C-alpha atoms as a PDB file:
ATOM      1  CA  MET A   1      82.265 127.341 134.353  1.00  0.00           C
ATOM      2  CA  ARG A   2      79.647 126.196 131.860  1.00  0.00           C
ATOM      3  CA  PRO A   3      80.143 128.456 128.825  1.00  0.00           C
ATOM      4  CA  ARG A   4      77.183 130.143 127.165  1.00  0.00           C
ATOM      5  CA  LEU A   5      76.926 129.086 123.520  1.00  0.00           C
ATOM      6  CA  GLY A   6      75.075 130.217 120.433  1.00  0.00           C
ATOM      7  CA  PHE A   7      74.320 128.034 117.401  1.00  0.00           C
ATOM      8  CA  LEU A   8      74.358 129.517 113.916  1.00  0.00           C
ATOM      9  CA  GLY A   9      72.724 126.866 111.733  1.00  0.00           C
ATOM     10  CA  VAL A  10      70.886 123.860 113.153  1.00  0.00           C
ATOM     11  CA  GLY A  11      70.330 121.619 110.176  1.00  0.00           C
ATOM     12  CA  TRP A  12      71.054 117.901 110.562  1.00  0.00           C
ATOM     13  CA  ILE A  13      74.710 118.222 111.555  1.00  0.00           C
ATOM     14  CA  GLY A  14      74.124 121.307 113.704  1.00  0.00           C
ATOM     15  CA  ARG A  15      71.319 119.572 115.622  1.00  0.00           C
ATOM     16  CA  HIS A  16      73.455 116.468 116.125  1.00  0.00           C
ATOM     17  CA  ARG A  17      76.218 118.555 117.686  1.00  0.00           C
ATOM     18  CA  LEU A  18      73.653 120.475 119.732  1.00  0.00           C
ATOM     19  CA  GLU A  19      72.241 117.214 121.074  1.00  0.00           C
ATOM     20  CA  ALA A  20      75.733 116.004 122.017  1.00  0.00           C
ATOM     21  CA  LEU A  21      76.338 119.181 124.004  1.00  0.00           C
ATOM     22  CA  VAL A  22      72.984 119.006 125.761  1.00  0.00           C
ATOM     23  CA  GLN A  23      73.638 115.391 126.769  1.00  0.00           C
ATOM     24  CA  SER A  24      77.152 116.215 128.011  1.00  0.00           C
ATOM     25  CA  ASP A  25      75.906 119.131 130.140  1.00  0.00           C
ATOM     26  CA  VAL A  26      79.277 120.874 129.742  1.00  0.00           C
ATOM     27  CA  ALA A  27      77.760 124.049 128.267  1.00  0.00           C
ATOM     28  CA  GLU A  28      74.575 126.086 128.192  1.00  0.00           C
ATOM     29  CA  VAL A  29      73.007 126.719 124.772  1.00  0.00           C
ATOM     30  CA  VAL A  30      71.363 130.116 125.119  1.00  0.00           C
ATOM     31  CA  ALA A  31      70.525 131.172 121.546  1.00  0.00           C
ATOM     32  CA  ILE A  32      69.903 129.646 118.115  1.00  0.00           C
ATOM     33  CA  ALA A  33      69.619 131.164 114.631  1.00  0.00           C
ATOM     34  CA  ASP A  34      68.570 129.363 111.445  1.00  0.00           C
ATOM     35  CA  VAL A  35      66.897 130.622 108.269  1.00  0.00           C
ATOM     36  CA  VAL A  36      64.858 127.410 107.966  1.00  0.00           C
ATOM     37  CA  PRO A  37      61.940 127.455 110.463  1.00  0.00           C
ATOM     38  CA  ASP A  38      61.676 123.660 110.655  1.00  0.00           C
ATOM     39  CA  ASN A  39      65.358 123.393 111.600  1.00  0.00           C
ATOM     40  CA  ALA A  40      64.938 125.921 114.378  1.00  0.00           C
ATOM     41  CA  ALA A  41      61.790 124.239 115.675  1.00  0.00           C
ATOM     42  CA  ALA A  42      63.521 120.847 115.825  1.00  0.00           C
ATOM     43  CA  ALA A  43      66.496 122.357 117.669  1.00  0.00           C
ATOM     44  CA  LEU A  44      64.278 124.041 120.238  1.00  0.00           C
ATOM     45  CA  GLU A  45      62.841 120.645 121.117  1.00  0.00           C
ATOM     46  CA  LEU A  46      66.301 119.723 122.402  1.00  0.00           C
ATOM     47  CA  THR A  47      67.000 122.758 124.559  1.00  0.00           C
ATOM     48  CA  PRO A  48      65.107 125.813 125.893  1.00  0.00           C
ATOM     49  CA  ALA A  49      67.238 128.347 123.993  1.00  0.00           C
ATOM     50  CA  THR A  50      66.130 131.698 122.592  1.00  0.00           C
ATOM     51  CA  LEU A  51      65.453 131.820 118.848  1.00  0.00           C
ATOM     52  CA  VAL A  52      67.084 134.866 117.209  1.00  0.00           C
ATOM     53  CA  ASP A  53      67.304 136.111 113.632  1.00  0.00           C
ATOM     54  CA  SER A  54      70.975 136.602 112.833  1.00  0.00           C
ATOM     55  CA  LEU A  55      74.642 136.297 113.692  1.00  0.00           C
ATOM     56  CA  ASP A  56      74.554 139.808 115.156  1.00  0.00           C
ATOM     57  CA  ASP A  57      71.717 138.769 117.465  1.00  0.00           C
ATOM     58  CA  LEU A  58      73.692 135.724 118.599  1.00  0.00           C
ATOM     59  CA  LEU A  59      76.716 137.858 119.423  1.00  0.00           C
ATOM     60  CA  ASP A  60      74.498 140.360 121.238  1.00  0.00           C
ATOM     61  CA  ALA A  61      73.305 137.491 123.467  1.00  0.00           C
ATOM     62  CA  GLN A  62      76.635 137.654 125.340  1.00  0.00           C
ATOM     63  CA  VAL A  63      77.723 134.183 124.328  1.00  0.00           C
ATOM     64  CA  ASP A  64      81.156 132.824 125.171  1.00  0.00           C
ATOM     65  CA  GLY A  65      81.294 130.628 122.088  1.00  0.00           C
ATOM     66  CA  LEU A  66      79.648 130.296 118.683  1.00  0.00           C
ATOM     67  CA  VAL A  67      78.973 127.039 116.835  1.00  0.00           C
ATOM     68  CA  ILE A  68      78.814 127.528 113.045  1.00  0.00           C
ATOM     69  CA  ALA A  69      77.045 125.057 110.746  1.00  0.00           C
ATOM     70  CA  THR A  70      76.206 127.141 107.676  1.00  0.00           C
ATOM     71  CA  PRO A  71      77.246 126.887 103.988  1.00  0.00           C
ATOM     72  CA  SER A  72      81.025 126.889 103.536  1.00  0.00           C
ATOM     73  CA  ALA A  73      81.177 130.263 101.768  1.00  0.00           C
ATOM     74  CA  LEU A  74      80.078 131.953 104.996  1.00  0.00           C
ATOM     75  CA  HIS A  75      82.317 130.178 107.510  1.00  0.00           C
ATOM     76  CA  ALA A  76      85.332 132.473 107.359  1.00  0.00           C
ATOM     77  CA  GLN A  77      83.478 135.782 107.563  1.00  0.00           C
ATOM     78  CA  GLN A  78      81.166 134.519 110.323  1.00  0.00           C
ATOM     79  CA  ALA A  79      84.050 133.084 112.343  1.00  0.00           C
ATOM     80  CA  ILE A  80      86.107 136.268 112.051  1.00  0.00           C
ATOM     81  CA  ALA A  81      83.115 138.398 113.066  1.00  0.00           C
ATOM     82  CA  ALA A  82      82.693 136.323 116.220  1.00  0.00           C
ATOM     83  CA  LEU A  83      86.396 136.187 117.084  1.00  0.00           C
ATOM     84  CA  GLU A  84      86.786 139.940 116.681  1.00  0.00           C
ATOM     85  CA  GLN A  85      84.058 140.361 119.296  1.00  0.00           C
ATOM     86  CA  GLY A  86      85.899 138.067 121.691  1.00  0.00           C
ATOM     87  CA  VAL A  87      83.741 134.986 121.069  1.00  0.00           C
ATOM     88  CA  ALA A  88      85.337 131.538 120.678  1.00  0.00           C
ATOM     89  CA  VAL A  89      84.376 129.497 117.588  1.00  0.00           C
ATOM     90  CA  PHE A  90      83.613 125.876 116.775  1.00  0.00           C
ATOM     91  CA  CYS A  91      83.008 125.539 113.034  1.00  0.00           C
ATOM     92  CA  GLN A  92      81.916 122.768 110.719  1.00  0.00           C
ATOM     93  CA  LYS A  93      84.513 121.809 108.132  1.00  0.00           C
ATOM     94  CA  PRO A  94      85.878 123.384 106.096  1.00  0.00           C
ATOM     95  CA  LEU A  95      86.768 126.411 108.188  1.00  0.00           C
ATOM     96  CA  ALA A  96      87.162 128.260 104.883  1.00  0.00           C
ATOM     97  CA  ARG A  97      87.300 127.596 101.142  1.00  0.00           C
ATOM     98  CA  THR A  98      91.024 128.230 100.668  1.00  0.00           C
ATOM     99  CA  ALA A  99      94.242 128.296 102.657  1.00  0.00           C
ATOM    100  CA  ASP A 100      94.350 132.103 102.551  1.00  0.00           C
ATOM    101  CA  GLU A 101      90.866 132.351 104.039  1.00  0.00           C
ATOM    102  CA  THR A 102      91.757 129.734 106.647  1.00  0.00           C
ATOM    103  CA  ALA A 103      94.917 131.604 107.642  1.00  0.00           C
ATOM    104  CA  ARG A 104      92.906 134.809 108.129  1.00  0.00           C
ATOM    105  CA  VAL A 105      90.525 133.063 110.528  1.00  0.00           C
ATOM    106  CA  VAL A 106      93.358 131.461 112.490  1.00  0.00           C
ATOM    107  CA  GLU A 107      95.138 134.812 112.738  1.00  0.00           C
ATOM    108  CA  ALA A 108      91.925 136.444 113.999  1.00  0.00           C
ATOM    109  CA  ALA A 109      91.710 133.789 116.723  1.00  0.00           C
ATOM    110  CA  ARG A 110      95.367 134.355 117.624  1.00  0.00           C
ATOM    111  CA  ARG A 111      94.935 138.132 117.867  1.00  0.00           C
ATOM    112  CA  ALA A 112      91.814 137.771 120.010  1.00  0.00           C
ATOM    113  CA  ASN A 113      93.324 134.909 122.055  1.00  0.00           C
ATOM    114  CA  ARG A 114      90.134 132.910 121.576  1.00  0.00           C
ATOM    115  CA  LEU A 115      89.680 129.168 121.232  1.00  0.00           C
ATOM    116  CA  LEU A 116      89.110 128.028 117.641  1.00  0.00           C
ATOM    117  CA  ALA A 117      88.274 124.474 116.572  1.00  0.00           C
ATOM    118  CA  VAL A 118      86.869 122.742 113.503  1.00  0.00           C
ATOM    119  CA  ASP A 119      84.690 119.645 113.515  1.00  0.00           C
ATOM    120  CA  LEU A 120      87.263 117.269 112.023  1.00  0.00           C
ATOM    121  CA  SER A 121      85.410 114.547 113.847  1.00  0.00           C
ATOM    122  CA  TYR A 122      87.207 111.444 112.567  1.00  0.00           C
ATOM    123  CA  ARG A 123      90.134 112.340 114.815  1.00  0.00           C
ATOM    124  CA  HIS A 124      87.828 111.353 117.646  1.00  0.00           C
ATOM    125  CA  VAL A 125      87.045 107.851 116.421  1.00  0.00           C
ATOM    126  CA  GLU A 126      88.596 105.538 119.014  1.00  0.00           C
ATOM    127  CA  GLY A 127      90.333 103.493 116.322  1.00  0.00           C
ATOM    128  CA  ALA A 128      92.009 106.588 114.862  1.00  0.00           C
ATOM    129  CA  ARG A 129      93.249 107.587 118.303  1.00  0.00           C
ATOM    130  CA  ARG A 130      94.656 104.118 118.911  1.00  0.00           C
ATOM    131  CA  ILE A 131      96.518 104.128 115.596  1.00  0.00           C
ATOM    132  CA  ARG A 132      97.941 107.567 116.334  1.00  0.00           C
ATOM    133  CA  GLU A 133      99.197 106.350 119.700  1.00  0.00           C
ATOM    134  CA  LEU A 134     100.985 103.435 118.005  1.00  0.00           C
ATOM    135  CA  ALA A 135     102.525 105.725 115.398  1.00  0.00           C
ATOM    136  CA  ARG A 136     103.715 108.350 117.877  1.00  0.00           C
ATOM    137  CA  ALA A 137     105.145 105.698 120.206  1.00  0.00           C
ATOM    138  CA  GLY A 138     107.217 104.271 117.353  1.00  0.00           C
ATOM    139  CA  GLU A 139     105.398 100.929 117.548  1.00  0.00           C
ATOM    140  CA  LEU A 140     105.026 100.792 113.756  1.00  0.00           C
ATOM    141  CA  GLY A 141     108.637 101.757 113.115  1.00  0.00           C
ATOM    142  CA  SER A 142     109.456 104.338 110.470  1.00  0.00           C
ATOM    143  CA  LEU A 143     106.221 105.103 108.617  1.00  0.00           C
ATOM    144  CA  TYR A 144     106.739 105.274 104.868  1.00  0.00           C
ATOM    145  CA  ALA A 145     103.311 104.768 103.272  1.00  0.00           C
ATOM    146  CA  ALA A 146      99.652 105.510 103.971  1.00  0.00           C
ATOM    147  CA  ASP A 147      96.465 104.836 101.994  1.00  0.00           C
ATOM    148  CA  LEU A 148      93.235 106.665 102.866  1.00  0.00           C
ATOM    149  CA  ILE A 149      89.809 106.275 101.236  1.00  0.00           C
ATOM    150  CA  PHE A 150      86.385 107.882 101.666  1.00  0.00           C
ATOM    151  CA  HIS A 151      83.864 106.776  99.029  1.00  0.00           C
ATOM    152  CA  ASN A 152      80.255 107.842  99.571  1.00  0.00           C
ATOM    153  CA  ALA A 153      77.427 106.187  97.612  1.00  0.00           C
ATOM    154  CA  TYR A 154      75.468 109.448  97.991  1.00  0.00           C
ATOM    155  CA  GLY A 155      76.098 113.119  97.288  1.00  0.00           C
ATOM    156  CA  PRO A 156      75.087 116.353  99.017  1.00  0.00           C
ATOM    157  CA  ASP A 157      71.438 117.363  98.693  1.00  0.00           C
ATOM    158  CA  LYS A 158      71.956 121.137  98.620  1.00  0.00           C
ATOM    159  CA  ALA A 159      72.782 123.093  95.462  1.00  0.00           C
ATOM    160  CA  TRP A 160      75.541 125.237  97.005  1.00  0.00           C
ATOM    161  CA  PHE A 161      77.779 122.170  97.412  1.00  0.00           C
ATOM    162  CA  TYR A 162      78.065 122.020  93.605  1.00  0.00           C
ATOM    163  CA  ASP A 163      79.071 125.672  93.116  1.00  0.00           C
ATOM    164  CA  PRO A 164      82.891 126.017  93.406  1.00  0.00           C
ATOM    165  CA  ALA A 165      82.676 129.617  94.605  1.00  0.00           C
ATOM    166  CA  LEU A 166      80.345 128.700  97.455  1.00  0.00           C
ATOM    167  CA  SER A 167      81.751 125.326  98.492  1.00  0.00           C
ATOM    168  CA  GLY A 168      85.425 125.713  97.613  1.00  0.00           C
ATOM    169  CA  GLY A 169      85.306 122.384  95.791  1.00  0.00           C
ATOM    170  CA  GLY A 170      83.575 119.029  95.653  1.00  0.00           C
ATOM    171  CA  CYS A 171      84.242 115.695  97.313  1.00  0.00           C
ATOM    172  CA  VAL A 172      87.831 116.662  98.220  1.00  0.00           C
ATOM    173  CA  ILE A 173      86.891 119.585 100.453  1.00  0.00           C
ATOM    174  CA  ASP A 174      83.806 117.745 101.717  1.00  0.00           C
ATOM    175  CA  LEU A 175      85.243 114.265 102.391  1.00  0.00           C
ATOM    176  CA  GLY A 176      88.915 114.347 101.432  1.00  0.00           C
ATOM    177  CA  ILE A 177      89.568 117.014 104.039  1.00  0.00           C
ATOM    178  CA  HIS A 178      89.033 114.336 106.690  1.00  0.00           C
ATOM    179  CA  LEU A 179      91.596 112.108 104.973  1.00  0.00           C
ATOM    180  CA  VAL A 180      94.196 114.866 104.698  1.00  0.00           C
ATOM    181  CA  ASP A 181      93.633 115.846 108.323  1.00  0.00           C
ATOM    182  CA  LEU A 182      93.867 112.247 109.568  1.00  0.00           C
ATOM    183  CA  ALA A 183      97.076 111.636 107.636  1.00  0.00           C
ATOM    184  CA  LEU A 184      98.806 114.789 108.926  1.00  0.00           C
ATOM    185  CA  TRP A 185      97.472 114.277 112.470  1.00  0.00           C
ATOM    186  CA  ILE A 186      98.521 110.639 112.756  1.00  0.00           C
ATOM    187  CA  LEU A 187     101.897 111.242 111.076  1.00  0.00           C
ATOM    188  CA  GLU A 188     102.525 114.471 113.017  1.00  0.00           C
ATOM    189  CA  PRO A 189     104.700 116.443 112.725  1.00  0.00           C
ATOM    190  CA  ALA A 190     104.034 116.367 109.004  1.00  0.00           C
ATOM    191  CA  GLY A 191     103.646 118.734 106.095  1.00  0.00           C
ATOM    192  CA  ALA A 192     103.405 118.013 102.375  1.00  0.00           C
ATOM    193  CA  ARG A 193     106.332 118.951 100.141  1.00  0.00           C
ATOM    194  CA  SER A 194     104.721 117.729  96.910  1.00  0.00           C
ATOM    195  CA  VAL A 195     101.150 116.976  95.824  1.00  0.00           C
ATOM    196  CA  SER A 196      99.687 115.485  92.647  1.00  0.00           C
ATOM    197  CA  SER A 197      96.052 114.747  91.844  1.00  0.00           C
ATOM    198  CA  HIS A 198      93.398 113.753  89.308  1.00  0.00           C
ATOM    199  CA  LEU A 199      89.881 115.171  89.623  1.00  0.00           C
ATOM    200  CA  PHE A 200      86.801 113.851  87.810  1.00  0.00           C
ATOM    201  CA  SER A 201      83.204 114.960  87.363  1.00  0.00           C
ATOM    202  CA  ARG A 202      80.716 112.355  86.133  1.00  0.00           C
ATOM    203  CA  GLY A 203      83.605 110.339  84.728  1.00  0.00           C
ATOM    204  CA  GLU A 204      85.237 113.272  82.906  1.00  0.00           C
ATOM    205  CA  LEU A 205      88.730 114.381  83.864  1.00  0.00           C
ATOM    206  CA  LEU A 206      88.295 118.024  84.860  1.00  0.00           C
ATOM    207  CA  ALA A 207      91.810 119.215  83.963  1.00  0.00           C
ATOM    208  CA  ASP A 208      91.527 123.035  83.871  1.00  0.00           C
ATOM    209  CA  ARG A 209      87.735 123.236  84.051  1.00  0.00           C
ATOM    210  CA  THR A 210      86.521 125.478  86.841  1.00  0.00           C
ATOM    211  CA  ASP A 211      82.769 125.441  86.249  1.00  0.00           C
ATOM    212  CA  ARG A 212      82.137 122.092  87.988  1.00  0.00           C
ATOM    213  CA  VAL A 213      83.205 120.474  91.223  1.00  0.00           C
ATOM    214  CA  GLU A 214      84.739 117.019  91.335  1.00  0.00           C
ATOM    215  CA  ASP A 215      82.811 113.936  92.404  1.00  0.00           C
ATOM    216  CA  PHE A 216      85.837 111.593  92.292  1.00  0.00           C
ATOM    217  CA  ALA A 217      89.419 112.405  93.213  1.00  0.00           C
ATOM    218  CA  LEU A 218      92.771 110.688  93.503  1.00  0.00           C
ATOM    219  CA  GLY A 219      95.728 112.343  95.160  1.00  0.00           C
ATOM    220  CA  GLU A 220      99.260 111.580  96.255  1.00  0.00           C
ATOM    221  CA  LEU A 221     101.222 113.503  98.866  1.00  0.00           C
ATOM    222  CA  GLU A 222     104.913 113.254  99.632  1.00  0.00           C
ATOM    223  CA  LEU A 223     105.373 114.407 103.202  1.00  0.00           C
ATOM    224  CA  ASP A 224     108.380 116.234 104.594  1.00  0.00           C
ATOM    225  CA  GLN A 225     109.744 113.121 106.294  1.00  0.00           C
ATOM    226  CA  GLY A 226     109.427 111.087 103.088  1.00  0.00           C
ATOM    227  CA  CYS A 227     106.204 109.197 103.788  1.00  0.00           C
ATOM    228  CA  VAL A 228     103.983 108.874 100.706  1.00  0.00           C
ATOM    229  CA  VAL A 229     100.224 109.202 101.230  1.00  0.00           C
ATOM    230  CA  ARG A 230      97.620 108.124  98.671  1.00  0.00           C
ATOM    231  CA  LEU A 231      94.112 109.548  98.885  1.00  0.00           C
ATOM    232  CA  ALA A 232      90.843 108.677  97.134  1.00  0.00           C
ATOM    233  CA  CYS A 233      87.377 110.097  97.748  1.00  0.00           C
ATOM    234  CA  SER A 234      84.079 110.381  95.928  1.00  0.00           C
ATOM    235  CA  TRP A 235      80.394 111.189  95.881  1.00  0.00           C
ATOM    236  CA  ASN A 236      77.778 108.951  94.259  1.00  0.00           C
ATOM    237  CA  LEU A 237      80.185 106.086  93.654  1.00  0.00           C
ATOM    238  CA  PRO A 238      78.647 102.629  93.013  1.00  0.00           C
ATOM    239  CA  THR A 239      80.418 101.002  95.962  1.00  0.00           C
ATOM    240  CA  GLY A 240      77.871  98.261  96.653  1.00  0.00           C
ATOM    241  CA  CYS A 241      77.279  99.776 100.110  1.00  0.00           C
ATOM    242  CA  ASP A 242      76.648 103.174 101.677  1.00  0.00           C
ATOM    243  CA  ALA A 243      80.307 104.061 102.186  1.00  0.00           C
ATOM    244  CA  VAL A 244      83.862 102.755 102.089  1.00  0.00           C
ATOM    245  CA  ILE A 245      86.075 104.499 104.646  1.00  0.00           C
ATOM    246  CA  GLN A 246      89.596 103.297 105.406  1.00  0.00           C
ATOM    247  CA  ALA A 247      92.891 104.689 106.646  1.00  0.00           C
ATOM    248  CA  SER A 248      95.917 102.395 106.473  1.00  0.00           C
ATOM    249  CA  PHE A 249      99.447 103.157 107.678  1.00  0.00           C
ATOM    250  CA  PHE A 250     102.556 101.098 107.004  1.00  0.00           C
ATOM    251  CA  GLY A 251     105.923 101.248 108.722  1.00  0.00           C
ATOM    252  CA  THR A 252     109.121  99.241 109.005  1.00  0.00           C
ATOM    253  CA  GLU A 253     107.786  97.423 112.093  1.00  0.00           C
ATOM    254  CA  GLY A 254     104.180  96.825 111.053  1.00  0.00           C
ATOM    255  CA  GLY A 255     100.949  98.442 109.944  1.00  0.00           C
ATOM    256  CA  ALA A 256      97.533  99.529 111.152  1.00  0.00           C
ATOM    257  CA  MET A 257      94.147 100.116 109.538  1.00  0.00           C
ATOM    258  CA  LEU A 258      90.981 101.984 110.468  1.00  0.00           C
ATOM    259  CA  SER A 259      88.006 100.596 108.532  1.00  0.00           C
ATOM    260  CA  ASN A 260      84.250 101.146 108.521  1.00  0.00           C
ATOM    261  CA  VAL A 261      82.000  98.150 109.180  1.00  0.00           C
ATOM    262  CA  ASN A 262      79.540  96.898 106.547  1.00  0.00           C
ATOM    263  CA  GLY A 263      79.359 100.231 104.748  1.00  0.00           C
ATOM    264  CA  SER A 264      78.503 102.189 107.905  1.00  0.00           C
ATOM    265  CA  PHE A 265      79.285 105.884 108.290  1.00  0.00           C
ATOM    266  CA  TYR A 266      79.508 105.458 112.072  1.00  0.00           C
ATOM    267  CA  ASP A 267      80.940 102.048 113.020  1.00  0.00           C
ATOM    268  CA  PHE A 268      84.685 101.415 112.770  1.00  0.00           C
ATOM    269  CA  THR A 269      87.236  98.788 113.645  1.00  0.00           C
ATOM    270  CA  ALA A 270      90.967  99.297 114.039  1.00  0.00           C
ATOM    271  CA  ASP A 271      93.544  96.571 113.483  1.00  0.00           C
ATOM    272  CA  ARG A 272      97.293  96.269 113.923  1.00  0.00           C
ATOM    273  CA  PHE A 273      99.315  94.164 111.472  1.00  0.00           C
ATOM    274  CA  ARG A 274     102.534  92.250 112.073  1.00  0.00           C
ATOM    275  CA  GLY A 275     103.331  90.384 108.872  1.00  0.00           C
ATOM    276  CA  THR A 276     100.346  88.061 108.321  1.00  0.00           C
ATOM    277  CA  VAL A 277      99.091  88.469 111.905  1.00  0.00           C
ATOM    278  CA  ARG A 278      96.137  90.786 112.575  1.00  0.00           C
ATOM    279  CA  GLU A 279      95.369  92.132 116.053  1.00  0.00           C
ATOM    280  CA  ARG A 280      92.025  93.857 116.694  1.00  0.00           C
ATOM    281  CA  LEU A 281      92.570  97.115 118.555  1.00  0.00           C
ATOM    282  CA  CYS A 282      88.953  98.180 118.967  1.00  0.00           C
ATOM    283  CA  SER A 283      85.438  97.556 117.671  1.00  0.00           C
ATOM    284  CA  PRO A 284      82.019  99.244 117.817  1.00  0.00           C
ATOM    285  CA  PRO A 285      80.102 100.614 119.557  1.00  0.00           C
ATOM    286  CA  ASP A 286      81.862 103.960 119.775  1.00  0.00           C
ATOM    287  CA  ALA A 287      79.831 107.161 120.180  1.00  0.00           C
ATOM    288  CA  TRP A 288      82.438 109.481 118.614  1.00  0.00           C
ATOM    289  CA  GLY A 289      80.293 111.939 116.631  1.00  0.00           C
ATOM    290  CA  GLY A 290      79.967 114.648 119.277  1.00  0.00           C
ATOM    291  CA  ARG A 291      83.361 114.298 120.948  1.00  0.00           C
ATOM    292  CA  ALA A 292      85.005 117.177 119.082  1.00  0.00           C
ATOM    293  CA  ILE A 293      82.439 119.777 120.136  1.00  0.00           C
ATOM    294  CA  VAL A 294      82.276 118.507 123.710  1.00  0.00           C
ATOM    295  CA  GLU A 295      86.069 118.685 123.974  1.00  0.00           C
ATOM    296  CA  TRP A 296      86.018 122.260 122.625  1.00  0.00           C
ATOM    297  CA  ALA A 297      83.302 123.268 125.105  1.00  0.00           C
ATOM    298  CA  GLU A 298      85.220 121.701 128.002  1.00  0.00           C
ATOM    299  CA  LYS A 299      88.374 123.610 127.058  1.00  0.00           C
ATOM    300  CA  LEU A 300      86.361 126.800 126.691  1.00  0.00           C
ATOM    301  CA  GLY A 301      84.780 126.282 130.101  1.00  0.00           C
ATOM    302  CA  GLY A 302      88.250 125.803 131.542  1.00  0.00           C
ATOM    303  CA  GLY A 303      89.278 129.230 130.304  1.00  0.00           C
ATOM    304  CA  MET A 304      91.492 128.131 127.421  1.00  0.00           C
ATOM    305  CA  GLY A 305      92.341 130.788 124.861  1.00  0.00           C
ATOM    306  CA  PHE A 306      94.023 130.373 121.481  1.00  0.00           C
ATOM    307  CA  ASP A 307      95.274 126.850 120.828  1.00  0.00           C
ATOM    308  CA  ASP A 308      98.372 126.551 118.632  1.00  0.00           C
ATOM    309  CA  GLY A 309      96.886 123.335 117.259  1.00  0.00           C
ATOM    310  CA  ALA A 310      94.741 125.575 115.045  1.00  0.00           C
ATOM    311  CA  ASN A 311      97.829 126.148 112.889  1.00  0.00           C
ATOM    312  CA  GLN A 312      97.331 122.619 111.538  1.00  0.00           C
ATOM    313  CA  LEU A 313      94.081 123.824 109.974  1.00  0.00           C
ATOM    314  CA  VAL A 314      96.134 126.032 107.666  1.00  0.00           C
ATOM    315  CA  GLU A 315      98.434 123.170 106.659  1.00  0.00           C
ATOM    316  CA  VAL A 316      95.433 120.969 105.827  1.00  0.00           C
ATOM    317  CA  ALA A 317      93.951 123.800 103.759  1.00  0.00           C
ATOM    318  CA  ARG A 318      97.244 124.249 101.893  1.00  0.00           C
ATOM    319  CA  VAL A 319      97.214 120.578 100.924  1.00  0.00           C
ATOM    320  CA  ILE A 320      93.602 120.888  99.753  1.00  0.00           C
ATOM    321  CA  ASP A 321      94.573 123.930  97.660  1.00  0.00           C
ATOM    322  CA  ALA A 322      97.438 121.956  96.129  1.00  0.00           C
ATOM    323  CA  ILE A 323      95.120 119.058  95.262  1.00  0.00           C
ATOM    324  CA  TYR A 324      92.957 121.587  93.439  1.00  0.00           C
ATOM    325  CA  GLY A 325      96.005 123.159  91.793  1.00  0.00           C
ATOM    326  CA  ARG A 326      95.129 126.611  93.001  1.00  0.00           C
ATOM    327  CA  HIS A 327      97.088 129.297  94.734  1.00  0.00           C
ATOM    328  CA  ASN A 328      95.832 132.331  96.678  1.00  0.00           C
ATOM    329  CA  ALA A 329      92.373 132.459  95.065  1.00  0.00           C
ATOM    330  CA  LEU A 330      89.136 130.627  94.430  1.00  0.00           C
ATOM    331  CA  HIS A 331      88.313 129.386  90.957  1.00  0.00           C
ATOM    332  CA  ARG A 332      85.560 131.981  90.865  1.00  0.00           C
ATOM    333  CA  GLU A 333      85.082 134.890  93.252  1.00  0.00           C
ATOM    334  CA  GLN A 334      81.742 135.490  94.940  1.00  0.00           C
ATOM    335  CA  ASN A 335      81.005 138.543  97.033  1.00  0.00           C
ATOM    336  CA  ALA A 336      79.458 138.471 100.472  1.00  0.00           C
ATOM    337  CA  SER A 337      76.049 139.704  99.386  1.00  0.00           C
ATOM    338  CA  GLU A 338      75.691 136.907  96.832  1.00  0.00           C
ATOM    339  CA  SER A 339      76.756 134.372  99.460  1.00  0.00           C
ATOM    340  CA  GLY A 340      74.143 135.738 101.825  1.00  0.00           C
ATOM    341  CA  LEU A 341      71.481 135.208  99.180  1.00  0.00           C
ATOM    342  CA  VAL A 342      72.528 131.601  98.733  1.00  0.00           C
ATOM    343  CA  LEU A 343      72.365 131.070 102.499  1.00  0.00           C
ATOM    344  CA  ALA A 344      68.819 132.385 102.531  1.00  0.00           C
ATOM    345  CA  GLN A 345      67.883 129.988  99.742  1.00  0.00           C
ATOM    346  CA  ALA A 346      69.829 126.927 100.818  1.00  0.00           C
ATOM    347  CA  GLY A 347      69.469 126.849 104.582  1.00  0.00           C
ATOM    348  CA  THR A 348      72.095 125.148 106.721  1.00  0.00           C
ATOM    349  CA  LEU A 349      73.966 121.890 107.031  1.00  0.00           C
END
């Protein structure tokens, strides 16, 4: 069965995922909603869907699944609204701003027995998959250290990213979430038993400040099995290239590294290390960007309900909360009506 899907938000990332689905032909996109007319017009050039005004209209279109690509403050409430009406959800990261919000969405999916997934797309880079296979097969021995980096020479171009109540944080929740997810996914089963971090904004250590989001962050996680993971991520860092993205893993029998090529956001190599010997595991090209949503749509079309793998979303969110030093609350609360106003002003991803 080709599931019927609705898209809530078709900015750049939403349109990219829409295009991947259209090309895969594994689902039918029947309805689209976006507050920015140009976004909607561009999306309708990709597929003959119906343009509607709101989330309620999308759910009234009898969709099987909803794809969410709106500002982060709205993800949890929009996902729960869909799940409670029996509609599966594929959401841009983060699923929510805090671990508590994330847990509520996952529980809603469990109660409704509906498929829930988040676009943690770097899992689908071929090099990351190859490294995970080595780790899980014991080829690297006992893994004791990992070093993950995501430095971006640019920063987000929408104001809501810089408001802690609307975004949930800065470069950590935007970029570092991929690093945390990759570390826990590759080292699975893994949870963090201790977390330390340093957060900066424009070169100033934030300490207890809650009025700004971080643009540079360093973190260290000690995982349950004793592996130590170091993380670094940033916006607007003078890296000498567009981006520096790496994920290195070291064990008693060798190591492996995923690394972007020449500052690219899209091209990656993966290498295996044995002492001073380097073995190339894979190289570009690798069209990985739309794999997560296509996989979700295929599972949905196959009739899959709640996937226990969604529980890992909560563990990732707990680590993010610990990096921020927060527990059970946002730095600053924002009610739903204020968030709706920001959505109207800011558009979508």
